[in-house]
Amino acid sequence: MYIIVFVTTPNPVEAENISKKIIEKKLAACVSIIRDITSIYTWKSGIERASECLLIIKTLEEKYSELEKTIIENHSYEIPEIISVKVHAGSEKYLNWIFESVKKVN
């Protein structure tokens, strides 16, 4: 099963650092980074506003546990956003590329 995992980071440097580690470990085929999003959320009894980066991670469900562990180990937030969504359909060629990318052995 293919999944998309969403993760927010506080800045582009952390976003790129986490993304690089994910790709190096073959935990995902691709991480897209969207800079300068605005998040408004509740935190410790208050309403917060932050400028963040959003990671869109394309991978396989079987990689999720190790992916989550890698994100947590390299993330500065006390409780990082890590949300997985199942992919119900997609381009066959693209999905095959994801599969091949994370299954390769160096």
Protein backbone atom coordinates (compact mmCIF):
# COMPACT_ATOMS: atom_id res chain seq x y z
CA MET A 1 0.00 0.00 0.00
CA TYR A 2 1.30 3.43 -0.97
CA ILE A 3 1.08 6.29 1.51
CA ILE A 4 1.69 10.04 1.65
CA VAL A 5 3.08 11.33 4.93
CA PHE A 6 2.75 14.99 5.92
CA VAL A 7 5.27 16.56 8.30
CA THR A 8 5.74 20.21 9.26
CA THR A 9 9.08 21.70 10.28
CA PRO A 10 10.00 25.10 11.71
CA ASN A 11 12.40 26.07 8.91
CA PRO A 12 13.87 25.06 5.52
CA VAL A 13 17.17 23.85 6.99
CA GLU A 14 15.44 21.30 9.21
CA ALA A 15 13.08 20.34 6.37
CA GLU A 16 16.02 19.60 4.06
CA ASN A 17 17.98 17.78 6.77
CA ILE A 18 15.08 15.44 7.55
CA SER A 19 14.29 14.95 3.86
CA LYS A 20 17.88 14.02 3.03
CA LYS A 21 18.02 11.43 5.85
CA ILE A 22 14.73 9.91 4.65
CA ILE A 23 15.97 9.55 1.07
CA GLU A 24 19.42 8.29 2.10
CA LYS A 25 17.80 5.53 4.17
CA LYS A 26 15.45 4.67 1.26
CA LEU A 27 12.43 5.31 3.47
CA ALA A 28 10.71 7.23 0.67
CA ALA A 29 11.05 7.79 -3.05
CA CYS A 30 10.52 11.55 -2.85
CA VAL A 31 10.07 14.32 -0.33
CA SER A 32 8.56 17.56 -1.62
CA ILE A 33 9.15 20.64 0.53
CA ILE A 34 6.67 23.49 0.51
CA ARG A 35 8.12 26.58 2.18
CA ASP A 36 6.38 29.42 3.95
CA ILE A 37 3.10 27.88 5.00
CA THR A 38 1.23 29.43 7.90
CA SER A 39 -0.06 27.15 10.63
CA ILE A 40 -2.57 28.25 13.27
CA TYR A 41 -3.03 25.75 16.09
CA THR A 42 -3.73 25.30 19.78
CA TRP A 43 -0.74 24.64 22.01
CA LYS A 44 -0.56 24.62 25.81
CA SER A 45 -3.86 26.47 26.35
CA GLY A 46 -3.22 29.11 23.71
CA ILE A 47 -3.66 29.78 20.03
CA GLU A 48 -0.36 29.90 18.15
CA ARG A 49 0.65 31.05 14.68
CA ALA A 50 3.84 29.86 12.99
CA SER A 51 5.57 30.00 9.63
CA GLU A 52 6.57 26.46 8.73
CA CYS A 53 7.64 24.15 5.92
CA LEU A 54 5.51 21.20 4.87
CA LEU A 55 7.08 17.91 3.82
CA ILE A 56 5.06 15.68 1.49
CA ILE A 57 6.64 12.24 1.67
CA LYS A 58 5.81 9.54 -0.90
CA THR A 59 6.49 5.99 0.29
CA LEU A 60 5.16 2.53 1.14
CA GLU A 61 3.14 1.70 4.26
CA GLU A 62 5.72 -0.92 5.29
CA LYS A 63 8.30 1.89 5.66
CA TYR A 64 6.14 3.95 8.04
CA SER A 65 7.54 2.79 11.41
CA GLU A 66 11.16 3.42 10.46
CA LEU A 67 10.18 6.67 8.73
CA GLU A 68 8.39 7.93 11.85
CA LYS A 69 11.38 7.00 14.03
CA THR A 70 13.78 8.86 11.70
CA ILE A 71 11.58 11.96 11.69
CA ILE A 72 11.26 12.02 15.49
CA GLU A 73 15.02 11.54 15.97
CA ASN A 74 15.78 14.51 13.71
CA HIS A 75 12.91 16.88 14.52
CA SER A 76 13.10 19.81 16.92
CA TYR A 77 9.40 19.89 17.88
CA GLU A 78 8.24 18.34 21.14
CA ILE A 79 5.36 16.74 19.22
CA PRO A 80 6.06 16.76 15.48
CA GLU A 81 3.17 16.52 13.05
CA ILE A 82 3.43 13.14 11.33
CA ILE A 83 0.25 12.15 9.48
CA SER A 84 -0.06 9.28 7.01
CA VAL A 85 -2.74 9.05 4.33
CA LYS A 86 -3.30 5.98 2.15
CA VAL A 87 -3.11 6.44 -1.61
CA HIS A 88 -6.17 4.86 -3.24
CA ALA A 89 -5.12 5.48 -6.84
CA GLY A 90 -2.34 7.04 -8.86
CA SER A 91 -0.35 6.88 -12.05
CA GLU A 92 0.82 3.29 -12.44
CA LYS A 93 4.26 4.44 -13.64
CA TYR A 94 4.66 6.82 -10.69
CA LEU A 95 3.55 4.25 -8.14
CA ASN A 96 5.93 1.69 -9.65
CA TRP A 97 8.73 4.24 -9.38
CA ILE A 98 7.96 4.73 -5.67
CA PHE A 99 8.05 0.97 -5.14
CA GLU A 100 11.33 0.51 -7.02
CA SER A 101 12.95 3.50 -5.30
CA VAL A 102 12.38 2.26 -1.76
CA LYS A 103 13.06 -1.40 -2.55
CA LYS A 104 16.52 -0.87 -4.11
CA VAL A 105 19.46 -2.37 -2.28
CA ASN A 106 22.81 -0.55 -2.53
